[in-house]
N, C-alpha and C. Protein backbone atom coordinates (compact mmCIF):
# COMPACT_ATOMS: atom_id res chain seq x y z
N MET A 1 38.72 133.63 157.06
CA MET A 1 37.89 134.57 157.78
C MET A 1 36.67 134.94 156.90
N THR A 2 35.45 134.85 157.45
CA THR A 2 34.31 135.13 156.69
C THR A 2 34.01 136.64 156.75
N ASP A 3 33.08 137.04 155.83
CA ASP A 3 32.70 138.43 155.79
C ASP A 3 32.06 138.87 157.06
N LYS A 4 31.27 137.99 157.71
CA LYS A 4 30.66 138.35 158.95
C LYS A 4 31.68 138.64 160.05
N GLU A 5 32.73 137.81 160.10
CA GLU A 5 33.81 138.02 161.09
C GLU A 5 34.53 139.31 160.78
N ARG A 6 34.76 139.62 159.56
CA ARG A 6 35.46 140.90 159.21
C ARG A 6 34.59 142.10 159.68
N TYR A 7 33.34 142.05 159.42
CA TYR A 7 32.44 143.15 159.86
C TYR A 7 32.52 143.26 161.42
N GLN A 8 32.46 142.11 162.05
CA GLN A 8 32.49 142.17 163.53
C GLN A 8 33.78 142.78 164.02
N ARG A 9 34.89 142.42 163.44
CA ARG A 9 36.18 142.97 163.86
C ARG A 9 36.24 144.49 163.60
N ALA A 10 35.75 144.86 162.40
CA ALA A 10 35.83 146.32 162.01
C ALA A 10 34.91 147.17 162.90
N PHE A 11 33.78 146.64 163.22
CA PHE A 11 32.85 147.45 163.98
C PHE A 11 32.79 147.07 165.50
N SER A 12 33.74 146.28 165.99
CA SER A 12 33.68 145.89 167.39
C SER A 12 33.81 147.10 168.35
N ALA A 13 34.41 148.11 167.89
CA ALA A 13 34.59 149.31 168.80
C ALA A 13 33.21 150.03 168.89
N LEU A 14 32.40 149.89 167.90
CA LEU A 14 31.10 150.55 167.97
C LEU A 14 30.07 149.67 168.67
N HIS A 15 29.20 150.33 169.45
CA HIS A 15 28.14 149.55 170.09
C HIS A 15 26.88 149.79 169.35
N THR A 16 26.25 148.67 168.99
CA THR A 16 25.02 148.75 168.26
C THR A 16 23.87 148.16 169.12
N SER A 17 22.71 148.32 168.66
CA SER A 17 21.61 147.80 169.44
C SER A 17 21.58 146.32 169.26
N ASP A 18 20.91 145.65 170.19
CA ASP A 18 20.84 144.19 170.17
C ASP A 18 20.15 143.62 168.97
N GLY A 19 19.29 144.32 168.40
CA GLY A 19 18.46 143.86 167.25
C GLY A 19 19.17 144.00 165.92
N PHE A 20 20.30 144.57 165.87
CA PHE A 20 21.01 144.85 164.63
C PHE A 20 21.68 143.55 164.09
N GLN A 21 21.43 143.30 162.77
CA GLN A 21 22.05 142.08 162.16
C GLN A 21 22.64 142.51 160.81
N VAL A 22 23.73 141.87 160.51
CA VAL A 22 24.30 142.13 159.22
C VAL A 22 24.02 140.98 158.27
N ARG A 23 23.41 141.29 157.15
CA ARG A 23 23.10 140.24 156.18
C ARG A 23 23.70 140.61 154.85
N LEU A 24 24.30 139.66 154.17
CA LEU A 24 24.87 139.89 152.87
C LEU A 24 23.94 139.30 151.83
N GLU A 25 23.65 140.00 150.80
CA GLU A 25 22.82 139.51 149.68
C GLU A 25 23.56 139.72 148.38
N LYS A 26 23.34 138.77 147.52
CA LYS A 26 23.90 138.87 146.18
C LYS A 26 22.99 139.80 145.42
N THR A 27 23.65 140.75 144.73
CA THR A 27 22.84 141.61 143.96
C THR A 27 22.79 141.08 142.57
N LYS A 28 21.64 141.27 141.94
CA LYS A 28 21.48 140.75 140.53
C LYS A 28 21.98 141.84 139.63
N LYS A 29 22.64 141.34 138.58
CA LYS A 29 23.17 142.25 137.53
C LYS A 29 21.96 142.56 136.66
N PRO A 30 21.98 143.76 136.08
CA PRO A 30 20.87 144.08 135.15
C PRO A 30 20.84 143.04 134.00
N ALA A 31 19.64 142.80 133.52
CA ALA A 31 19.43 141.77 132.46
C ALA A 31 20.21 142.07 131.21
N HIS A 32 20.34 143.36 130.86
CA HIS A 32 21.04 143.62 129.60
C HIS A 32 22.54 143.29 129.72
N THR A 33 23.14 143.37 130.90
CA THR A 33 24.52 143.00 131.12
C THR A 33 24.72 141.52 130.89
N VAL A 34 23.81 140.70 131.36
CA VAL A 34 23.87 139.30 131.22
C VAL A 34 23.71 138.92 129.71
N ARG A 35 22.81 139.59 129.01
CA ARG A 35 22.60 139.29 127.61
C ARG A 35 23.82 139.66 126.80
N ILE A 36 24.47 140.82 127.12
CA ILE A 36 25.68 141.22 126.37
C ILE A 36 26.80 140.19 126.58
N ARG A 37 26.95 139.69 127.81
CA ARG A 37 27.98 138.69 128.04
C ARG A 37 27.72 137.40 127.25
N ARG A 38 26.49 136.98 127.24
CA ARG A 38 26.13 135.79 126.50
C ARG A 38 26.39 135.93 124.98
N VAL A 39 25.99 137.11 124.47
CA VAL A 39 26.20 137.38 123.02
C VAL A 39 27.71 137.40 122.72
N LEU A 40 28.52 138.03 123.56
CA LEU A 40 30.00 138.09 123.35
C LEU A 40 30.56 136.65 123.46
N THR A 41 30.09 135.91 124.39
CA THR A 41 30.62 134.50 124.49
C THR A 41 30.24 133.70 123.23
N ALA A 42 29.04 133.82 122.80
CA ALA A 42 28.62 133.08 121.56
C ALA A 42 29.40 133.55 120.35
N ALA A 43 29.67 134.85 120.27
CA ALA A 43 30.45 135.34 119.14
C ALA A 43 31.84 134.83 119.17
N CYS A 44 32.48 134.79 120.35
CA CYS A 44 33.85 134.25 120.48
C CYS A 44 33.91 132.77 120.06
N VAL A 45 32.88 132.00 120.54
CA VAL A 45 32.83 130.59 120.22
C VAL A 45 32.72 130.35 118.72
N ALA A 46 31.80 131.18 118.07
CA ALA A 46 31.58 131.04 116.65
C ALA A 46 32.87 131.44 115.85
N MET A 47 33.56 132.47 116.31
CA MET A 47 34.80 132.85 115.63
C MET A 47 35.87 131.75 115.79
N ALA A 48 35.97 131.16 116.94
CA ALA A 48 36.94 130.09 117.17
C ALA A 48 36.63 128.85 116.29
N LEU A 49 35.37 128.50 116.20
CA LEU A 49 34.97 127.39 115.35
C LEU A 49 35.22 127.70 113.88
N ALA A 50 34.89 128.91 113.45
CA ALA A 50 35.14 129.26 112.02
C ALA A 50 36.63 129.29 111.71
N ALA A 51 37.47 129.77 112.62
CA ALA A 51 38.92 129.79 112.41
C ALA A 51 39.47 128.35 112.37
N GLY A 52 38.97 127.53 113.23
CA GLY A 52 39.47 126.11 113.24
C GLY A 52 39.03 125.40 111.96
N ALA A 53 37.80 125.60 111.55
CA ALA A 53 37.31 124.94 110.33
C ALA A 53 38.10 125.39 109.14
N THR A 54 38.37 126.72 109.05
CA THR A 54 39.15 127.29 107.96
C THR A 54 40.54 126.74 107.93
N ALA A 55 41.20 126.60 109.08
CA ALA A 55 42.53 126.04 109.14
C ALA A 55 42.56 124.57 108.72
N ALA A 56 41.59 123.79 109.17
CA ALA A 56 41.46 122.39 108.74
C ALA A 56 41.25 122.27 107.26
N TYR A 57 40.34 123.13 106.70
CA TYR A 57 40.08 123.11 105.29
C TYR A 57 41.33 123.45 104.44
N ALA A 58 42.04 124.47 104.88
CA ALA A 58 43.22 124.95 104.23
C ALA A 58 44.31 123.83 104.21
N SER A 59 44.44 123.14 105.33
CA SER A 59 45.51 122.16 105.39
C SER A 59 45.20 120.91 104.53
N ASN A 60 43.90 120.68 104.24
CA ASN A 60 43.54 119.52 103.41
C ASN A 60 43.48 119.85 101.93
N VAL A 61 43.37 121.14 101.51
CA VAL A 61 43.23 121.48 100.14
C VAL A 61 44.48 121.08 99.37
N GLY A 62 45.63 121.40 99.83
CA GLY A 62 46.85 121.12 99.09
C GLY A 62 47.59 119.86 99.55
N GLY A 63 47.05 119.20 100.58
CA GLY A 63 47.80 118.08 101.11
C GLY A 63 49.02 118.50 101.86
N ILE A 64 50.04 117.68 101.81
CA ILE A 64 51.29 117.98 102.53
C ILE A 64 52.25 118.54 101.50
N GLN A 65 52.85 119.69 101.75
CA GLN A 65 53.84 120.29 100.88
C GLN A 65 55.09 120.59 101.69
N ARG A 66 56.21 120.01 101.17
CA ARG A 66 57.47 120.21 101.88
C ARG A 66 58.57 120.52 100.84
N THR A 67 59.52 121.32 101.26
CA THR A 67 60.71 121.50 100.44
C THR A 67 61.70 120.42 100.92
N ILE A 68 62.15 119.60 100.02
CA ILE A 68 63.02 118.48 100.37
C ILE A 68 64.26 118.49 99.46
N GLN A 69 65.24 117.69 99.85
CA GLN A 69 66.34 117.42 99.00
C GLN A 69 66.19 115.98 98.50
N ILE A 70 66.21 115.77 97.24
CA ILE A 70 65.97 114.47 96.67
C ILE A 70 66.95 114.21 95.55
N TRP A 71 67.31 112.94 95.37
CA TRP A 71 68.19 112.59 94.30
C TRP A 71 67.43 112.48 92.96
N LEU A 72 67.69 113.40 92.07
CA LEU A 72 67.08 113.39 90.69
C LEU A 72 68.23 113.28 89.73
N HIS A 73 68.21 112.27 88.86
CA HIS A 73 69.21 112.09 87.85
C HIS A 73 70.60 112.14 88.44
N GLY A 74 70.76 111.48 89.57
CA GLY A 74 72.09 111.38 90.20
C GLY A 74 72.62 112.54 90.92
N GLU A 75 71.76 113.57 91.10
CA GLU A 75 72.20 114.82 91.77
C GLU A 75 71.23 115.10 92.90
N LEU A 76 71.77 115.51 94.06
CA LEU A 76 70.93 115.90 95.19
C LEU A 76 70.35 117.27 94.85
N THR A 77 69.05 117.38 94.73
CA THR A 77 68.34 118.57 94.28
C THR A 77 67.33 119.04 95.23
N ASP A 78 67.16 120.36 95.44
CA ASP A 78 66.09 120.92 96.19
C ASP A 78 64.84 120.85 95.32
N ALA A 79 63.76 120.37 95.93
CA ALA A 79 62.47 120.25 95.21
C ALA A 79 61.37 120.43 96.20
N THR A 80 60.15 120.64 95.64
CA THR A 80 58.96 120.70 96.48
C THR A 80 58.21 119.39 96.31
N LEU A 81 57.88 118.79 97.43
CA LEU A 81 57.13 117.50 97.38
C LEU A 81 55.69 117.80 97.83
N ASP A 82 54.75 117.55 96.94
CA ASP A 82 53.30 117.66 97.27
C ASP A 82 52.75 116.26 97.42
N ILE A 83 52.21 116.03 98.61
CA ILE A 83 51.62 114.66 98.92
C ILE A 83 50.16 114.83 99.18
N ASP A 84 49.33 114.05 98.45
CA ASP A 84 47.90 113.98 98.79
C ASP A 84 47.67 112.68 99.56
N GLY A 85 47.51 112.83 100.87
CA GLY A 85 47.43 111.70 101.75
C GLY A 85 46.11 110.88 101.54
N SER A 86 45.08 111.52 100.98
CA SER A 86 43.87 110.77 100.78
C SER A 86 43.95 109.84 99.65
N SER A 87 44.80 110.09 98.69
CA SER A 87 44.90 109.19 97.53
C SER A 87 46.30 108.52 97.44
N GLY A 88 47.25 108.92 98.25
CA GLY A 88 48.60 108.33 98.26
C GLY A 88 49.39 108.69 97.04
N THR A 89 49.10 109.88 96.48
CA THR A 89 49.88 110.32 95.30
C THR A 89 50.82 111.45 95.70
N TYR A 90 51.78 111.70 94.78
CA TYR A 90 52.71 112.73 95.03
C TYR A 90 53.14 113.39 93.72
N ALA A 91 53.69 114.57 93.81
CA ALA A 91 54.28 115.30 92.70
C ALA A 91 55.51 116.02 93.16
N ILE A 92 56.58 115.99 92.41
CA ILE A 92 57.81 116.69 92.70
C ILE A 92 57.98 117.84 91.79
N ARG A 93 58.10 119.05 92.32
CA ARG A 93 58.27 120.20 91.49
C ARG A 93 59.67 120.81 91.64
N ASP A 94 60.22 121.24 90.53
CA ASP A 94 61.54 121.90 90.63
C ASP A 94 61.37 123.35 91.11
N ARG A 95 62.50 124.08 91.08
CA ARG A 95 62.46 125.45 91.61
C ARG A 95 61.50 126.37 90.83
N SER A 96 61.32 126.08 89.53
CA SER A 96 60.47 126.95 88.74
C SER A 96 58.96 126.47 88.81
N GLY A 97 58.68 125.39 89.60
CA GLY A 97 57.34 124.97 89.79
C GLY A 97 56.87 123.90 88.84
N HIS A 98 57.70 123.46 87.87
CA HIS A 98 57.33 122.43 86.93
C HIS A 98 57.38 121.04 87.59
N ILE A 99 56.42 120.19 87.27
CA ILE A 99 56.43 118.83 87.79
C ILE A 99 57.47 118.02 87.05
N THR A 100 58.45 117.52 87.82
CA THR A 100 59.51 116.70 87.24
C THR A 100 59.30 115.23 87.41
N GLN A 101 58.45 114.86 88.36
CA GLN A 101 58.15 113.47 88.65
C GLN A 101 56.92 113.38 89.41
N SER A 102 56.14 112.37 89.18
CA SER A 102 54.87 112.15 89.96
C SER A 102 54.61 110.66 90.02
N GLY A 103 53.72 110.33 90.95
CA GLY A 103 53.33 108.87 91.03
C GLY A 103 52.51 108.73 92.28
N GLY A 104 52.56 107.48 92.80
CA GLY A 104 51.74 107.17 93.97
C GLY A 104 51.59 105.70 94.07
N GLY A 105 50.73 105.30 95.01
CA GLY A 105 50.52 103.89 95.21
C GLY A 105 49.70 103.60 96.43
N VAL A 106 49.52 102.36 96.62
CA VAL A 106 48.75 101.89 97.84
C VAL A 106 49.58 100.82 98.55
N ALA A 107 49.29 100.63 99.81
CA ALA A 107 49.86 99.57 100.54
C ALA A 107 48.71 98.56 100.90
N ILE A 108 49.07 97.29 101.03
CA ILE A 108 48.12 96.30 101.37
C ILE A 108 48.21 95.95 102.81
N ASN A 109 47.16 96.18 103.56
CA ASN A 109 47.12 95.87 104.98
C ASN A 109 47.05 94.35 105.19
N GLN A 110 47.27 93.89 106.40
CA GLN A 110 47.33 92.50 106.73
C GLN A 110 45.97 91.85 106.45
N ASP A 111 44.89 92.58 106.54
CA ASP A 111 43.56 92.01 106.28
C ASP A 111 43.22 92.00 104.80
N GLY A 112 44.18 92.46 103.94
CA GLY A 112 43.94 92.47 102.49
C GLY A 112 43.34 93.70 101.94
N THR A 113 42.99 94.69 102.76
CA THR A 113 42.48 95.95 102.23
C THR A 113 43.60 96.86 101.83
N GLU A 114 43.27 97.72 100.85
CA GLU A 114 44.23 98.66 100.38
C GLU A 114 44.08 100.02 101.11
N ARG A 115 45.18 100.72 101.24
CA ARG A 115 45.17 102.06 101.85
C ARG A 115 46.23 102.89 101.09
N PRO A 116 45.98 104.24 101.02
CA PRO A 116 46.94 105.07 100.32
C PRO A 116 48.30 105.08 101.09
N LEU A 117 49.37 105.27 100.38
CA LEU A 117 50.68 105.38 101.03
C LEU A 117 50.73 106.64 101.87
N THR A 118 51.41 106.55 103.01
CA THR A 118 51.58 107.71 103.88
C THR A 118 52.71 108.59 103.34
N ALA A 119 52.80 109.82 103.82
CA ALA A 119 53.89 110.70 103.42
C ALA A 119 55.24 110.09 103.70
N LYS A 120 55.40 109.47 104.85
CA LYS A 120 56.69 108.80 105.22
C LYS A 120 57.01 107.74 104.23
N GLU A 121 56.04 106.88 103.86
CA GLU A 121 56.27 105.80 102.92
C GLU A 121 56.65 106.30 101.54
N ILE A 122 56.00 107.40 101.09
CA ILE A 122 56.35 107.98 99.82
C ILE A 122 57.75 108.50 99.81
N LYS A 123 58.15 109.24 100.85
CA LYS A 123 59.50 109.77 100.93
C LYS A 123 60.52 108.67 100.95
N GLU A 124 60.26 107.59 101.69
CA GLU A 124 61.22 106.47 101.74
C GLU A 124 61.31 105.75 100.38
N ASP A 125 60.15 105.61 99.71
CA ASP A 125 60.20 105.01 98.44
C ASP A 125 60.97 105.87 97.39
N LEU A 126 60.77 107.16 97.42
CA LEU A 126 61.49 108.08 96.53
C LEU A 126 63.00 107.96 96.76
N ALA A 127 63.40 107.85 98.03
CA ALA A 127 64.85 107.83 98.35
C ALA A 127 65.48 106.53 97.82
N ASN A 128 64.72 105.47 97.68
CA ASN A 128 65.25 104.17 97.25
C ASN A 128 64.77 103.74 95.86
N THR A 129 64.40 104.71 95.04
CA THR A 129 63.92 104.35 93.70
C THR A 129 65.02 104.68 92.67
N PRO A 130 65.52 103.66 91.97
CA PRO A 130 66.56 103.94 90.99
C PRO A 130 65.97 104.50 89.71
N ASP A 131 66.89 105.04 88.90
CA ASP A 131 66.52 105.68 87.64
C ASP A 131 67.61 105.36 86.59
N THR A 132 67.33 105.58 85.33
CA THR A 132 68.34 105.36 84.34
C THR A 132 68.50 106.65 83.54
N GLU A 133 69.69 106.83 82.99
CA GLU A 133 69.96 108.01 82.18
C GLU A 133 70.89 107.62 81.06
N THR A 134 70.62 108.06 79.85
CA THR A 134 71.52 107.74 78.74
C THR A 134 72.12 109.08 78.24
N VAL A 135 73.41 109.17 78.30
CA VAL A 135 74.10 110.34 77.80
C VAL A 135 75.29 109.90 76.90
N ASN A 136 75.34 110.48 75.71
CA ASN A 136 76.39 110.14 74.75
C ASN A 136 76.43 108.66 74.46
N GLY A 137 75.28 107.98 74.40
CA GLY A 137 75.22 106.58 74.08
C GLY A 137 75.55 105.64 75.25
N ARG A 138 75.86 106.18 76.42
CA ARG A 138 76.14 105.39 77.59
C ARG A 138 74.90 105.44 78.49
N THR A 139 74.49 104.24 79.01
CA THR A 139 73.35 104.19 79.91
C THR A 139 73.91 103.90 81.33
N CYS A 140 73.42 104.72 82.25
CA CYS A 140 73.81 104.60 83.65
C CYS A 140 72.61 104.36 84.54
N LEU A 141 72.79 103.54 85.53
CA LEU A 141 71.83 103.37 86.59
C LEU A 141 72.13 104.34 87.68
N LEU A 142 71.15 105.05 88.14
CA LEU A 142 71.33 106.10 89.15
C LEU A 142 70.51 105.75 90.41
N LEU A 143 71.17 105.73 91.54
CA LEU A 143 70.47 105.53 92.81
C LEU A 143 71.20 106.34 93.83
N ARG A 144 70.56 107.43 94.34
CA ARG A 144 71.16 108.37 95.23
C ARG A 144 72.41 108.94 94.55
N SER A 145 73.61 108.80 95.22
CA SER A 145 74.82 109.27 94.66
C SER A 145 75.53 108.27 93.77
N GLN A 146 74.98 107.06 93.70
CA GLN A 146 75.60 106.02 92.87
C GLN A 146 75.28 106.20 91.39
N ARG A 147 76.26 106.10 90.57
CA ARG A 147 76.09 106.18 89.10
C ARG A 147 76.88 104.98 88.52
N ILE A 148 76.10 103.96 88.05
CA ILE A 148 76.75 102.74 87.55
C ILE A 148 76.51 102.67 86.03
N ASP A 149 77.59 102.57 85.29
CA ASP A 149 77.52 102.42 83.80
C ASP A 149 77.10 100.98 83.50
N ILE A 150 75.94 100.79 82.90
CA ILE A 150 75.41 99.48 82.58
C ILE A 150 75.37 99.22 81.11
N THR A 151 75.96 100.13 80.30
CA THR A 151 75.86 100.01 78.84
C THR A 151 76.26 98.64 78.32
N ASP A 152 77.34 98.10 78.86
CA ASP A 152 77.83 96.85 78.36
C ASP A 152 77.36 95.61 79.17
N ARG A 153 76.36 95.79 79.99
CA ARG A 153 75.94 94.68 80.88
C ARG A 153 74.62 94.03 80.44
N PHE A 154 74.09 94.45 79.32
CA PHE A 154 72.84 93.90 78.83
C PHE A 154 73.09 92.54 78.20
N ASP A 155 72.20 91.55 78.51
CA ASP A 155 72.37 90.23 77.93
C ASP A 155 71.73 90.24 76.50
N ASP A 156 71.71 89.04 75.91
CA ASP A 156 71.23 88.89 74.51
C ASP A 156 69.72 89.23 74.39
N SER A 157 68.99 89.03 75.49
CA SER A 157 67.58 89.35 75.46
C SER A 157 67.27 90.81 75.77
N GLY A 158 68.32 91.60 76.01
CA GLY A 158 68.14 93.08 76.21
C GLY A 158 67.87 93.45 77.64
N PHE A 159 68.24 92.59 78.59
CA PHE A 159 68.01 92.88 80.00
C PHE A 159 69.32 92.93 80.71
N CYS A 160 69.36 93.72 81.80
CA CYS A 160 70.54 93.91 82.64
C CYS A 160 70.07 93.71 84.10
N TYR A 161 70.85 92.95 84.84
CA TYR A 161 70.50 92.69 86.29
C TYR A 161 71.65 93.27 87.14
N ILE A 162 71.27 94.17 88.03
CA ILE A 162 72.25 94.85 88.90
C ILE A 162 71.78 94.76 90.31
N THR A 163 72.71 94.45 91.25
CA THR A 163 72.40 94.50 92.67
C THR A 163 73.09 95.76 93.22
N VAL A 164 72.31 96.61 93.87
CA VAL A 164 72.79 97.90 94.38
C VAL A 164 72.65 97.92 95.88
N LYS A 165 73.68 98.41 96.59
CA LYS A 165 73.58 98.52 98.06
C LYS A 165 72.81 99.84 98.38
N THR A 166 71.90 99.66 99.37
CA THR A 166 71.19 100.82 99.85
C THR A 166 71.52 100.98 101.37
N GLY A 167 70.94 101.97 101.97
CA GLY A 167 71.13 102.17 103.41
C GLY A 167 70.54 101.06 104.21
N SER A 168 69.50 100.40 103.73
CA SER A 168 68.81 99.35 104.48
C SER A 168 69.09 97.95 103.97
N GLY A 169 70.01 97.81 103.03
CA GLY A 169 70.33 96.43 102.52
C GLY A 169 70.65 96.46 101.03
N LYS A 170 70.03 95.54 100.26
CA LYS A 170 70.29 95.43 98.82
C LYS A 170 69.04 95.75 98.06
N LEU A 171 69.22 96.15 96.84
CA LEU A 171 68.12 96.37 95.93
C LEU A 171 68.46 95.68 94.59
N TYR A 172 67.58 94.76 94.16
CA TYR A 172 67.79 94.07 92.93
C TYR A 172 67.06 94.76 91.81
N VAL A 173 67.83 95.23 90.83
CA VAL A 173 67.30 96.09 89.75
C VAL A 173 67.44 95.31 88.41
N THR A 174 66.29 95.31 87.69
CA THR A 174 66.26 94.76 86.36
C THR A 174 65.96 95.91 85.40
N VAL A 175 66.85 96.13 84.38
CA VAL A 175 66.70 97.14 83.45
C VAL A 175 66.48 96.56 82.05
N ARG A 176 65.51 97.06 81.30
CA ARG A 176 65.28 96.63 79.91
C ARG A 176 65.96 97.64 79.01
N LYS A 177 66.70 97.20 78.05
CA LYS A 177 67.52 98.06 77.18
C LYS A 177 66.71 99.11 76.47
N ASN A 178 65.52 98.72 75.99
CA ASN A 178 64.65 99.65 75.23
C ASN A 178 63.74 100.47 76.14
N GLY A 179 64.03 100.51 77.40
CA GLY A 179 63.22 101.28 78.33
C GLY A 179 62.52 100.41 79.31
N GLY A 180 62.48 100.83 80.48
CA GLY A 180 61.79 100.10 81.60
C GLY A 180 62.79 99.70 82.66
N LEU A 181 62.29 99.68 83.87
CA LEU A 181 63.15 99.39 84.99
C LEU A 181 62.24 98.83 86.11
N ALA A 182 62.72 97.85 86.83
CA ALA A 182 61.94 97.38 87.98
C ALA A 182 62.95 97.04 89.10
N SER A 183 62.56 97.27 90.31
CA SER A 183 63.44 97.03 91.45
C SER A 183 62.68 96.39 92.62
N SER A 184 63.36 95.60 93.34
CA SER A 184 62.77 94.92 94.50
C SER A 184 63.83 94.65 95.56
N PRO A 185 63.52 94.67 96.83
CA PRO A 185 64.51 94.29 97.83
C PRO A 185 64.63 92.77 97.93
N ASN A 186 63.78 92.01 97.24
CA ASN A 186 63.72 90.57 97.38
C ASN A 186 64.37 89.81 96.25
N ARG A 187 64.16 90.23 95.01
CA ARG A 187 64.62 89.44 93.84
C ARG A 187 64.60 90.31 92.55
N TYR A 188 65.19 89.82 91.53
CA TYR A 188 65.15 90.43 90.19
C TYR A 188 63.81 90.10 89.56
N MET A 189 63.30 91.10 88.81
CA MET A 189 62.10 90.84 87.99
C MET A 189 62.55 90.16 86.71
N LEU A 190 61.85 89.09 86.33
CA LEU A 190 62.20 88.35 85.14
C LEU A 190 61.61 88.99 83.91
N PRO A 191 62.23 88.74 82.73
CA PRO A 191 61.80 89.38 81.47
C PRO A 191 60.32 89.21 81.14
N ASP A 192 59.78 88.01 81.45
CA ASP A 192 58.37 87.83 81.08
C ASP A 192 57.40 88.52 82.07
N GLU A 193 57.92 89.12 83.15
CA GLU A 193 57.12 89.83 84.08
C GLU A 193 56.96 91.33 83.68
N PHE A 194 57.79 91.76 82.74
CA PHE A 194 57.67 93.13 82.19
C PHE A 194 56.45 93.16 81.27
N ALA A 195 55.72 94.27 81.25
CA ALA A 195 54.60 94.43 80.35
C ALA A 195 55.15 94.61 78.93
N ALA A 196 54.43 94.08 77.97
CA ALA A 196 54.91 94.30 76.60
C ALA A 196 54.88 95.73 76.23
N GLY A 197 55.87 96.18 75.45
CA GLY A 197 55.86 97.56 75.01
C GLY A 197 57.21 98.06 74.70
């Protein structure tokens, strides 16, 4: 029902002259009211943009930071993982904030270009990276909850070759007696592939 029909119904009981017409006109708002609305709208948009830019800046300053449980020295430990996605680096901090481990890397795309490791790739790599520990003259290979004594497994050239089961298959680990470790899901690293040192 239109406004004209409503007026006709409301005033149908009254008789008006034949020349009477009802016209509706839009009234203009005062200019200062329009200006105030525009200024308020612009201020709201500016605040929203500033808040969004600040949030984006804050999220990029520290990269990704998560509290995680990670295997360190054969024990499941709570730690803080800081990941810088732009460079593919990470740092693990203990409860007191000290860096206990750091590193990073790149992945090679199919077209041969390098890209920084993603947070998911870094976490997966950390979960499947073995470590060694020597206590009371005994050397152990540590991977997650596995602790394998390798003290007596070194050959005459000072290398030890261990195959360790992981959640996704096998990991071939080469350990050098005087320090150094390499692992691969494909094969053992040979002694001449280790850097001198």
